[in-house]
Amino acid sequence: MSSSLAAAFDTRITPVRNDLAADWLRDQVKAERYEVGAPRTVTRDGAALRFSPDRSAGLESQLIYGEIFQVYEERNGWCWGQNLTDNYVGYVSAADLARDVPAPDHQVAALHCHLYTEPDLKRPTAGIISMSARVRVVDVEGRFCRIASGHWLHSRHLVSLDSSTQDVIGTALKFIGVPYLWGGRTAQGLDCSSLVQMALAMALLPAPRDTDLQEAGLGTAVTMDDPQDLSRLEEGDLVFFPGHVGLFVDDWRFLHANAFDMQVSLHGFSDVLDRARSENAGVTSIQRVAPSK
């Protein structure tokens, strides 16, 4: 990637390389070729998204079961494209994507959900899928729903795609104890920005993938006359530090996925502030995000 191209576009969220760009960018960027691309559905929960087609490359994000990944190139077992949920761009294993999957009509509302081989709690499972995973229900038997893949899910774990909860904090609290994982977006591991993204998603509030993008594009800034005066904080406010974000919770607490204790934790906000200030990394902004009614 040339420095000029990288400067003109945020390549985390813009499908552009020197040799290839999405066709809709034809009038904005010069590339060797342009592709319309084709959608594929994610069939492995937590599929890794990397910035280079190399399994030893760092994990930058993950795809959740049922998300749509727009593929602009497939080569040597890798697909380069864009996650249409949060616009994140990268390389994903072609084995984790499928063509012609029926459109979803439900999503998982539980932290994670077992895929059963039969509509019976005592029968074997074939894996798990995470909160916000999207599925197509094709049959119902008792308390179970069969999805297009042939697996069965417990109906209590499913809600319609347009179902919304205003309890953003309640959703985020479900993740307490989930291990911290840089680039993670599932109940098996997640980072600070994906915790915010997942909690907002269940309130039908789309959010960017990374902290800086969230700080620039989410909610309404809570202005402070004095940067040290945080008295205007309300429950659910997003509090940003350099490279970090979490949710303010009543009783002066802070909910965040963090590398300090390597999990999603509920900390005393004063302790978080003291630790940040000791590292010259105080609060950079507060954003107020109102859930859908």
C-alpha atoms as a PDB file:
ATOM      1  CA  MET A   1       0.000   0.000   0.000  1.00  0.00           C
ATOM      2  CA  SER A   2       1.528   3.311  -1.037  1.00  0.00           C
ATOM      3  CA  SER A   3       1.802   6.037   1.593  1.00  0.00           C
ATOM      4  CA  SER A   4      -0.290   8.408  -0.558  1.00  0.00           C
ATOM      5  CA  LEU A   5      -3.127   5.900  -0.861  1.00  0.00           C
ATOM      6  CA  ALA A   6      -3.019   5.114   2.851  1.00  0.00           C
ATOM      7  CA  ALA A   7      -3.173   8.833   3.631  1.00  0.00           C
ATOM      8  CA  ALA A   8      -6.178   9.414   1.373  1.00  0.00           C
ATOM      9  CA  PHE A   9      -8.255   6.494   2.648  1.00  0.00           C
ATOM     10  CA  ASP A  10      -8.673   4.672   5.930  1.00  0.00           C
ATOM     11  CA  THR A  11      -7.890   1.222   4.585  1.00  0.00           C
ATOM     12  CA  ARG A  12      -9.383  -0.440   7.673  1.00  0.00           C
ATOM     13  CA  ILE A  13     -12.832   0.501   6.380  1.00  0.00           C
ATOM     14  CA  THR A  14     -12.245   1.194   2.678  1.00  0.00           C
ATOM     15  CA  PRO A  15     -11.821  -1.743   0.258  1.00  0.00           C
ATOM     16  CA  VAL A  16      -8.863  -0.365  -1.656  1.00  0.00           C
ATOM     17  CA  ARG A  17      -5.354  -1.594  -2.476  1.00  0.00           C
ATOM     18  CA  ASN A  18      -2.880  -0.399  -5.097  1.00  0.00           C
ATOM     19  CA  ASP A  19      -3.855  -3.266  -7.364  1.00  0.00           C
ATOM     20  CA  LEU A  20      -7.550  -3.602  -6.537  1.00  0.00           C
ATOM     21  CA  ALA A  21     -10.481  -1.528  -5.343  1.00  0.00           C
ATOM     22  CA  ALA A  22     -14.221  -1.911  -5.009  1.00  0.00           C
ATOM     23  CA  ASP A  23     -16.025  -0.771  -8.122  1.00  0.00           C
ATOM     24  CA  TRP A  24     -17.923   1.911  -6.212  1.00  0.00           C
ATOM     25  CA  LEU A  25     -14.564   3.623  -5.612  1.00  0.00           C
ATOM     26  CA  ARG A  26     -13.799   3.877  -9.326  1.00  0.00           C
ATOM     27  CA  ASP A  27     -14.240   7.671  -9.403  1.00  0.00           C
ATOM     28  CA  GLN A  28     -12.318   8.211  -6.171  1.00  0.00           C
ATOM     29  CA  VAL A  29      -9.154   6.143  -6.446  1.00  0.00           C
ATOM     30  CA  LYS A  30      -6.839   4.859  -9.146  1.00  0.00           C
ATOM     31  CA  ALA A  31      -6.259   1.107  -9.027  1.00  0.00           C
ATOM     32  CA  GLU A  32      -5.098  -1.532 -11.487  1.00  0.00           C
ATOM     33  CA  ARG A  33      -8.561  -3.091 -11.490  1.00  0.00           C
ATOM     34  CA  TYR A  34     -11.972  -2.730  -9.926  1.00  0.00           C
ATOM     35  CA  GLU A  35     -14.381  -5.427  -8.789  1.00  0.00           C
ATOM     36  CA  VAL A  36     -18.069  -5.324  -7.932  1.00  0.00           C
ATOM     37  CA  GLY A  37     -17.559  -8.205  -5.542  1.00  0.00           C
ATOM     38  CA  ALA A  38     -20.031 -10.773  -4.321  1.00  0.00           C
ATOM     39  CA  PRO A  39     -21.546 -11.402  -0.879  1.00  0.00           C
ATOM     40  CA  ARG A  40     -20.770 -14.520   1.117  1.00  0.00           C
ATOM     41  CA  THR A  41     -22.136 -15.560   4.471  1.00  0.00           C
ATOM     42  CA  VAL A  42     -19.938 -16.296   7.473  1.00  0.00           C
ATOM     43  CA  THR A  43     -20.358 -19.934   8.490  1.00  0.00           C
ATOM     44  CA  ARG A  44     -17.770 -20.160  11.280  1.00  0.00           C
ATOM     45  CA  ASP A  45     -18.383 -18.068  14.360  1.00  0.00           C
ATOM     46  CA  GLY A  46     -15.286 -16.063  15.218  1.00  0.00           C
ATOM     47  CA  ALA A  47     -13.725 -16.390  11.766  1.00  0.00           C
ATOM     48  CA  ALA A  48     -10.450 -14.477  11.840  1.00  0.00           C
ATOM     49  CA  LEU A  49     -10.021 -11.288   9.830  1.00  0.00           C
ATOM     50  CA  ARG A  50      -6.395 -10.343   9.192  1.00  0.00           C
ATOM     51  CA  PHE A  51      -4.668  -7.545   7.326  1.00  0.00           C
ATOM     52  CA  SER A  52      -2.554  -9.971   5.294  1.00  0.00           C
ATOM     53  CA  PRO A  53      -3.276 -13.457   3.881  1.00  0.00           C
ATOM     54  CA  ASP A  54      -1.127 -15.244   6.430  1.00  0.00           C
ATOM     55  CA  ARG A  55      -2.317 -17.384   9.341  1.00  0.00           C
ATOM     56  CA  SER A  56       0.588 -16.107  11.434  1.00  0.00           C
ATOM     57  CA  ALA A  57      -0.533 -12.501  10.931  1.00  0.00           C
ATOM     58  CA  GLY A  58      -2.144 -10.761  13.877  1.00  0.00           C
ATOM     59  CA  LEU A  59      -5.850 -11.054  14.564  1.00  0.00           C
ATOM     60  CA  GLU A  60      -7.414  -7.694  13.693  1.00  0.00           C
ATOM     61  CA  SER A  61     -11.085  -8.597  14.004  1.00  0.00           C
ATOM     62  CA  GLN A  62     -13.494 -11.499  13.833  1.00  0.00           C
ATOM     63  CA  LEU A  63     -16.636 -12.249  11.875  1.00  0.00           C
ATOM     64  CA  ILE A  64     -19.768 -13.526  13.562  1.00  0.00           C
ATOM     65  CA  TYR A  65     -21.855 -16.377  12.222  1.00  0.00           C
ATOM     66  CA  GLY A  66     -24.326 -15.111   9.641  1.00  0.00           C
ATOM     67  CA  GLU A  67     -22.625 -11.808   8.894  1.00  0.00           C
ATOM     68  CA  ILE A  68     -22.166 -10.882   5.242  1.00  0.00           C
ATOM     69  CA  PHE A  69     -18.657 -10.465   3.872  1.00  0.00           C
ATOM     70  CA  GLN A  70     -18.369  -8.779   0.486  1.00  0.00           C
ATOM     71  CA  VAL A  71     -15.607 -10.607  -1.397  1.00  0.00           C
ATOM     72  CA  TYR A  72     -13.595  -8.687  -3.973  1.00  0.00           C
ATOM     73  CA  GLU A  73     -10.863 -11.270  -4.499  1.00  0.00           C
ATOM     74  CA  GLU A  74     -10.288 -14.948  -3.742  1.00  0.00           C
ATOM     75  CA  ARG A  75      -6.782 -16.327  -4.056  1.00  0.00           C
ATOM     76  CA  ASN A  76      -4.895 -19.233  -2.484  1.00  0.00           C
ATOM     77  CA  GLY A  77      -7.685 -19.992  -0.017  1.00  0.00           C
ATOM     78  CA  TRP A  78      -8.090 -16.392   1.142  1.00  0.00           C
ATOM     79  CA  CYS A  79     -10.876 -13.911   0.468  1.00  0.00           C
ATOM     80  CA  TRP A  80     -10.149 -10.192   0.573  1.00  0.00           C
ATOM     81  CA  GLY A  81     -13.169  -8.040   1.216  1.00  0.00           C
ATOM     82  CA  GLN A  82     -15.312  -6.120   3.663  1.00  0.00           C
ATOM     83  CA  ASN A  83     -17.559  -7.055   6.575  1.00  0.00           C
ATOM     84  CA  LEU A  84     -20.844  -5.338   5.759  1.00  0.00           C
ATOM     85  CA  THR A  85     -21.783  -5.081   9.444  1.00  0.00           C
ATOM     86  CA  ASP A  86     -19.020  -2.663  10.442  1.00  0.00           C
ATOM     87  CA  ASN A  87     -17.208  -2.102   7.109  1.00  0.00           C
ATOM     88  CA  TYR A  88     -13.960  -3.649   8.357  1.00  0.00           C
ATOM     89  CA  VAL A  89     -11.678  -4.746   5.518  1.00  0.00           C
ATOM     90  CA  GLY A  90      -9.237  -7.637   5.472  1.00  0.00           C
ATOM     91  CA  TYR A  91      -8.478 -11.227   4.568  1.00  0.00           C
ATOM     92  CA  VAL A  92     -10.652 -14.140   5.710  1.00  0.00           C
ATOM     93  CA  SER A  93     -10.220 -17.842   5.052  1.00  0.00           C
ATOM     94  CA  ALA A  94     -12.457 -18.887   2.149  1.00  0.00           C
ATOM     95  CA  ALA A  95     -13.383 -22.009   4.136  1.00  0.00           C
ATOM     96  CA  ASP A  96     -15.205 -19.787   6.661  1.00  0.00           C
ATOM     97  CA  LEU A  97     -17.529 -18.305   4.038  1.00  0.00           C
ATOM     98  CA  ALA A  98     -20.342 -19.728   1.914  1.00  0.00           C
ATOM     99  CA  ARG A  99     -22.382 -18.712  -1.109  1.00  0.00           C
ATOM    100  CA  ASP A 100     -26.168 -18.753  -1.469  1.00  0.00           C
ATOM    101  CA  VAL A 101     -27.084 -19.052   2.209  1.00  0.00           C
ATOM    102  CA  PRO A 102     -30.761 -18.187   2.891  1.00  0.00           C
ATOM    103  CA  ALA A 103     -31.321 -14.697   4.246  1.00  0.00           C
ATOM    104  CA  PRO A 104     -31.561 -14.611   8.059  1.00  0.00           C
ATOM    105  CA  ASP A 105     -34.736 -13.829   9.967  1.00  0.00           C
ATOM    106  CA  HIS A 106     -33.554 -14.238  13.570  1.00  0.00           C
ATOM    107  CA  GLN A 107     -30.503 -13.445  15.682  1.00  0.00           C
ATOM    108  CA  VAL A 108     -28.977 -14.865  18.846  1.00  0.00           C
ATOM    109  CA  ALA A 109     -29.704 -12.799  21.962  1.00  0.00           C
ATOM    110  CA  ALA A 110     -27.930 -15.061  24.458  1.00  0.00           C
ATOM    111  CA  LEU A 111     -24.216 -14.648  25.196  1.00  0.00           C
ATOM    112  CA  HIS A 112     -23.692 -17.738  23.090  1.00  0.00           C
ATOM    113  CA  CYS A 113     -25.851 -20.582  21.865  1.00  0.00           C
ATOM    114  CA  HIS A 114     -25.238 -24.293  21.273  1.00  0.00           C
ATOM    115  CA  LEU A 115     -25.811 -25.825  17.865  1.00  0.00           C
ATOM    116  CA  TYR A 116     -27.573 -29.131  18.497  1.00  0.00           C
ATOM    117  CA  THR A 117     -27.601 -32.039  16.069  1.00  0.00           C
ATOM    118  CA  GLU A 118     -31.164 -32.901  17.111  1.00  0.00           C
ATOM    119  CA  PRO A 119     -33.987 -31.012  18.883  1.00  0.00           C
ATOM    120  CA  ASP A 120     -33.054 -32.533  22.224  1.00  0.00           C
ATOM    121  CA  LEU A 121     -31.033 -31.056  25.109  1.00  0.00           C
ATOM    122  CA  LYS A 122     -29.409 -34.435  25.724  1.00  0.00           C
ATOM    123  CA  ARG A 123     -28.132 -34.932  22.195  1.00  0.00           C
ATOM    124  CA  PRO A 124     -24.646 -33.979  20.941  1.00  0.00           C
ATOM    125  CA  THR A 125     -23.743 -30.427  19.993  1.00  0.00           C
ATOM    126  CA  ALA A 126     -21.817 -29.316  16.931  1.00  0.00           C
ATOM    127  CA  GLY A 127     -20.405 -26.017  18.168  1.00  0.00           C
ATOM    128  CA  ILE A 128     -21.585 -22.671  19.451  1.00  0.00           C
ATOM    129  CA  ILE A 129     -22.474 -19.315  17.927  1.00  0.00           C
ATOM    130  CA  SER A 130     -22.348 -15.920  19.591  1.00  0.00           C
ATOM    131  CA  MET A 131     -24.621 -13.048  20.464  1.00  0.00           C
ATOM    132  CA  SER A 132     -25.879 -11.230  17.333  1.00  0.00           C
ATOM    133  CA  ALA A 133     -25.275 -14.297  15.134  1.00  0.00           C
ATOM    134  CA  ARG A 134     -27.847 -14.284  12.328  1.00  0.00           C
ATOM    135  CA  VAL A 135     -29.750 -17.386  11.270  1.00  0.00           C
ATOM    136  CA  ARG A 136     -32.667 -18.501   9.104  1.00  0.00           C
ATOM    137  CA  VAL A 137     -35.271 -20.574  10.948  1.00  0.00           C
ATOM    138  CA  VAL A 138     -36.728 -23.259   8.672  1.00  0.00           C
ATOM    139  CA  ASP A 139     -38.571 -25.497  11.150  1.00  0.00           C
ATOM    140  CA  VAL A 140     -39.789 -25.576  14.735  1.00  0.00           C
ATOM    141  CA  GLU A 141     -40.113 -28.602  16.980  1.00  0.00           C
ATOM    142  CA  GLY A 142     -41.085 -28.068  20.585  1.00  0.00           C
ATOM    143  CA  ARG A 143     -38.647 -25.635  22.178  1.00  0.00           C
ATOM    144  CA  PHE A 144     -36.154 -25.903  19.316  1.00  0.00           C
ATOM    145  CA  CYS A 145     -35.736 -24.158  15.989  1.00  0.00           C
ATOM    146  CA  ARG A 146     -33.923 -25.743  13.064  1.00  0.00           C
ATOM    147  CA  ILE A 147     -31.836 -23.317  11.042  1.00  0.00           C
ATOM    148  CA  ALA A 148     -30.788 -23.475   7.400  1.00  0.00           C
ATOM    149  CA  SER A 149     -27.517 -25.254   8.241  1.00  0.00           C
ATOM    150  CA  GLY A 150     -29.539 -28.187   9.662  1.00  0.00           C
ATOM    151  CA  HIS A 151     -28.581 -27.490  13.278  1.00  0.00           C
ATOM    152  CA  TRP A 152     -31.068 -26.910  16.071  1.00  0.00           C
ATOM    153  CA  LEU A 153     -31.048 -23.938  18.473  1.00  0.00           C
ATOM    154  CA  HIS A 154     -33.104 -23.435  21.604  1.00  0.00           C
ATOM    155  CA  SER A 155     -35.849 -20.963  20.802  1.00  0.00           C
ATOM    156  CA  ARG A 156     -35.270 -18.956  23.993  1.00  0.00           C
ATOM    157  CA  HIS A 157     -31.899 -17.888  22.617  1.00  0.00           C
ATOM    158  CA  LEU A 158     -33.394 -16.335  19.482  1.00  0.00           C
ATOM    159  CA  VAL A 159     -35.125 -13.030  18.739  1.00  0.00           C
ATOM    160  CA  SER A 160     -36.273 -11.455  15.492  1.00  0.00           C
ATOM    161  CA  LEU A 161     -33.823  -9.291  13.564  1.00  0.00           C
ATOM    162  CA  ASP A 162     -35.756  -6.132  14.438  1.00  0.00           C
ATOM    163  CA  SER A 163     -35.909  -6.937  18.146  1.00  0.00           C
ATOM    164  CA  SER A 164     -34.225  -4.282  20.267  1.00  0.00           C
ATOM    165  CA  THR A 165     -33.270  -3.787  23.892  1.00  0.00           C
ATOM    166  CA  GLN A 166     -32.700  -0.367  25.423  1.00  0.00           C
ATOM    167  CA  ASP A 167     -30.618  -1.945  28.189  1.00  0.00           C
ATOM    168  CA  VAL A 168     -27.171  -1.419  26.702  1.00  0.00           C
ATOM    169  CA  ILE A 169     -25.524  -1.809  30.106  1.00  0.00           C
ATOM    170  CA  GLY A 170     -27.456  -5.003  30.801  1.00  0.00           C
ATOM    171  CA  THR A 171     -26.214  -6.489  27.544  1.00  0.00           C
ATOM    172  CA  ALA A 172     -22.609  -5.497  28.258  1.00  0.00           C
ATOM    173  CA  LEU A 173     -22.798  -6.925  31.796  1.00  0.00           C
ATOM    174  CA  LYS A 174     -23.454 -10.371  30.320  1.00  0.00           C
ATOM    175  CA  PHE A 175     -19.859 -10.364  29.099  1.00  0.00           C
ATOM    176  CA  ILE A 176     -18.264  -9.968  32.542  1.00  0.00           C
ATOM    177  CA  GLY A 177     -15.510 -12.551  32.900  1.00  0.00           C
ATOM    178  CA  VAL A 178     -15.143 -13.120  29.154  1.00  0.00           C
ATOM    179  CA  PRO A 179     -11.394 -13.140  28.382  1.00  0.00           C
ATOM    180  CA  TYR A 180      -9.770 -10.146  26.765  1.00  0.00           C
ATOM    181  CA  LEU A 181      -8.708 -10.880  23.198  1.00  0.00           C
ATOM    182  CA  TRP A 182      -7.235  -8.275  20.883  1.00  0.00           C
ATOM    183  CA  GLY A 183      -9.400  -8.349  17.764  1.00  0.00           C
ATOM    184  CA  GLY A 184     -12.003 -10.630  19.360  1.00  0.00           C
ATOM    185  CA  ARG A 185     -15.728 -10.059  18.798  1.00  0.00           C
ATOM    186  CA  THR A 186     -17.367 -13.095  20.413  1.00  0.00           C
ATOM    187  CA  ALA A 187     -18.235 -14.508  23.818  1.00  0.00           C
ATOM    188  CA  GLN A 188     -15.020 -16.528  23.604  1.00  0.00           C
ATOM    189  CA  GLY A 189     -12.956 -13.338  23.756  1.00  0.00           C
ATOM    190  CA  LEU A 190     -13.266  -9.677  22.860  1.00  0.00           C
ATOM    191  CA  ASP A 191     -11.567  -6.308  23.178  1.00  0.00           C
ATOM    192  CA  CYS A 192     -12.743  -2.961  24.506  1.00  0.00           C
ATOM    193  CA  SER A 193     -14.258  -1.599  21.304  1.00  0.00           C
ATOM    194  CA  SER A 194     -16.034  -4.830  20.393  1.00  0.00           C
ATOM    195  CA  LEU A 195     -17.679  -4.961  23.840  1.00  0.00           C
ATOM    196  CA  VAL A 196     -19.173  -1.556  23.072  1.00  0.00           C
ATOM    197  CA  GLN A 197     -20.029  -2.638  19.524  1.00  0.00           C
ATOM    198  CA  MET A 198     -21.834  -5.798  20.681  1.00  0.00           C
ATOM    199  CA  ALA A 199     -23.805  -4.020  23.420  1.00  0.00           C
ATOM    200  CA  LEU A 200     -24.970  -1.320  21.025  1.00  0.00           C
ATOM    201  CA  ALA A 201     -25.777  -3.819  18.278  1.00  0.00           C
ATOM    202  CA  MET A 202     -28.472  -5.431  20.412  1.00  0.00           C
ATOM    203  CA  ALA A 203     -30.058  -1.984  20.762  1.00  0.00           C
ATOM    204  CA  LEU A 204     -30.037  -1.675  16.946  1.00  0.00           C
ATOM    205  CA  LEU A 205     -27.277   0.929  17.150  1.00  0.00           C
ATOM    206  CA  PRO A 206     -24.546   0.144  14.618  1.00  0.00           C
ATOM    207  CA  ALA A 207     -21.034   1.008  15.773  1.00  0.00           C
ATOM    208  CA  PRO A 208     -17.635   1.092  14.077  1.00  0.00           C
ATOM    209  CA  ARG A 209     -15.076  -1.555  14.928  1.00  0.00           C
ATOM    210  CA  ASP A 210     -12.202   0.427  16.459  1.00  0.00           C
ATOM    211  CA  THR A 211     -11.988   2.828  19.382  1.00  0.00           C
ATOM    212  CA  ASP A 212     -10.882   5.869  17.388  1.00  0.00           C
ATOM    213  CA  LEU A 213     -13.676   5.341  14.864  1.00  0.00           C
ATOM    214  CA  GLN A 214     -16.211   5.028  17.675  1.00  0.00           C
ATOM    215  CA  GLU A 215     -14.968   8.177  19.371  1.00  0.00           C
ATOM    216  CA  ALA A 216     -15.238  10.116  16.107  1.00  0.00           C
ATOM    217  CA  GLY A 217     -18.571   8.737  14.969  1.00  0.00           C
ATOM    218  CA  LEU A 218     -20.761   7.627  17.873  1.00  0.00           C
ATOM    219  CA  GLY A 219     -23.247   9.601  19.894  1.00  0.00           C
ATOM    220  CA  THR A 220     -23.152  13.202  21.082  1.00  0.00           C
ATOM    221  CA  ALA A 221     -20.194  14.650  22.948  1.00  0.00           C
ATOM    222  CA  VAL A 222     -20.763  15.455  26.617  1.00  0.00           C
ATOM    223  CA  THR A 223     -19.083  18.819  27.064  1.00  0.00           C
ATOM    224  CA  MET A 224     -17.110  19.560  30.193  1.00  0.00           C
ATOM    225  CA  ASP A 225     -16.082  23.011  31.407  1.00  0.00           C
ATOM    226  CA  ASP A 226     -13.155  21.404  33.155  1.00  0.00           C
ATOM    227  CA  PRO A 227     -11.573  18.186  31.793  1.00  0.00           C
ATOM    228  CA  GLN A 228     -11.239  16.986  35.374  1.00  0.00           C
ATOM    229  CA  ASP A 229     -14.933  17.515  36.117  1.00  0.00           C
ATOM    230  CA  LEU A 230     -16.825  14.344  35.246  1.00  0.00           C
ATOM    231  CA  SER A 231     -19.975  15.216  37.175  1.00  0.00           C
ATOM    232  CA  ARG A 232     -22.137  15.164  34.033  1.00  0.00           C
ATOM    233  CA  LEU A 233     -21.578  11.478  33.418  1.00  0.00           C
ATOM    234  CA  GLU A 234     -24.683   9.317  33.063  1.00  0.00           C
ATOM    235  CA  GLU A 235     -25.075   5.560  33.027  1.00  0.00           C
ATOM    236  CA  GLY A 236     -24.407   4.230  29.550  1.00  0.00           C
ATOM    237  CA  ASP A 237     -22.052   7.022  28.507  1.00  0.00           C
ATOM    238  CA  LEU A 238     -19.031   5.906  26.526  1.00  0.00           C
ATOM    239  CA  VAL A 239     -15.819   7.095  28.152  1.00  0.00           C
ATOM    240  CA  PHE A 240     -12.769   7.261  25.911  1.00  0.00           C
ATOM    241  CA  PHE A 241      -9.108   7.179  26.849  1.00  0.00           C
ATOM    242  CA  PRO A 242      -6.186   7.009  24.405  1.00  0.00           C
ATOM    243  CA  GLY A 243      -6.779   3.687  22.629  1.00  0.00           C
ATOM    244  CA  HIS A 244      -9.422   2.544  25.094  1.00  0.00           C
ATOM    245  CA  VAL A 245     -13.174   2.764  25.690  1.00  0.00           C
ATOM    246  CA  GLY A 246     -15.683   1.527  28.227  1.00  0.00           C
ATOM    247  CA  LEU A 247     -19.150   2.188  29.602  1.00  0.00           C
ATOM    248  CA  PHE A 248     -19.911   4.289  32.648  1.00  0.00           C
ATOM    249  CA  VAL A 249     -22.151   2.494  35.139  1.00  0.00           C
ATOM    250  CA  ASP A 250     -24.058   3.955  38.081  1.00  0.00           C
ATOM    251  CA  ASP A 251     -22.373   4.025  41.513  1.00  0.00           C
ATOM    252  CA  TRP A 252     -19.225   5.403  39.860  1.00  0.00           C
ATOM    253  CA  ARG A 253     -18.193   2.182  38.135  1.00  0.00           C
ATOM    254  CA  PHE A 254     -16.639   1.429  34.758  1.00  0.00           C
ATOM    255  CA  LEU A 255     -17.362  -1.600  32.587  1.00  0.00           C
ATOM    256  CA  HIS A 256     -14.709  -2.502  30.036  1.00  0.00           C
ATOM    257  CA  ALA A 257     -12.759  -5.268  28.345  1.00  0.00           C
ATOM    258  CA  ASN A 258      -9.226  -4.605  29.456  1.00  0.00           C
ATOM    259  CA  ALA A 259      -5.696  -5.963  29.334  1.00  0.00           C
ATOM    260  CA  PHE A 260      -5.096  -4.996  32.985  1.00  0.00           C
ATOM    261  CA  ASP A 261      -6.787  -8.126  34.290  1.00  0.00           C
ATOM    262  CA  MET A 262      -7.334  -9.712  30.843  1.00  0.00           C
ATOM    263  CA  GLN A 263     -11.111  -9.904  30.916  1.00  0.00           C
ATOM    264  CA  VAL A 264     -14.308  -7.901  30.866  1.00  0.00           C
ATOM    265  CA  SER A 265     -14.459  -6.270  34.289  1.00  0.00           C
ATOM    266  CA  LEU A 266     -16.505  -3.865  36.350  1.00  0.00           C
ATOM    267  CA  HIS A 267     -14.025  -1.561  38.100  1.00  0.00           C
ATOM    268  CA  GLY A 268     -14.352   1.400  40.390  1.00  0.00           C
ATOM    269  CA  PHE A 269     -14.181   4.391  38.042  1.00  0.00           C
ATOM    270  CA  SER A 270     -11.880   6.285  40.411  1.00  0.00           C
ATOM    271  CA  ASP A 271      -9.362   3.433  40.218  1.00  0.00           C
ATOM    272  CA  VAL A 272      -9.521   3.472  36.420  1.00  0.00           C
ATOM    273  CA  LEU A 273      -9.002   7.245  36.355  1.00  0.00           C
ATOM    274  CA  ASP A 274      -6.065   7.070  38.762  1.00  0.00           C
ATOM    275  CA  ARG A 275      -4.384   4.339  36.728  1.00  0.00           C
ATOM    276  CA  ALA A 276      -4.919   6.235  33.467  1.00  0.00           C
ATOM    277  CA  ARG A 277      -3.639   9.528  34.866  1.00  0.00           C
ATOM    278  CA  SER A 278      -0.547   7.829  36.244  1.00  0.00           C
ATOM    279  CA  GLU A 279       0.214   6.864  32.653  1.00  0.00           C
ATOM    280  CA  ASN A 280      -0.597  10.364  31.343  1.00  0.00           C
ATOM    281  CA  ALA A 281      -3.613   8.884  29.543  1.00  0.00           C
ATOM    282  CA  GLY A 282      -6.652  10.626  30.955  1.00  0.00           C
ATOM    283  CA  VAL A 283     -10.171  10.845  29.536  1.00  0.00           C
ATOM    284  CA  THR A 284     -10.180  12.169  25.968  1.00  0.00           C
ATOM    285  CA  SER A 285     -13.938  12.424  25.480  1.00  0.00           C
ATOM    286  CA  ILE A 286     -17.349  11.271  26.653  1.00  0.00           C
ATOM    287  CA  GLN A 287     -19.993  10.305  24.112  1.00  0.00           C
ATOM    288  CA  ARG A 288     -23.673   9.842  24.952  1.00  0.00           C
ATOM    289  CA  VAL A 289     -25.464   7.248  22.826  1.00  0.00           C
ATOM    290  CA  ALA A 290     -29.232   6.931  23.169  1.00  0.00           C
ATOM    291  CA  PRO A 291     -30.688   3.482  22.359  1.00  0.00           C
ATOM    292  CA  SER A 292     -33.524   3.045  19.886  1.00  0.00           C
ATOM    293  CA  LYS A 293     -37.051   3.376  21.284  1.00  0.00           C
END
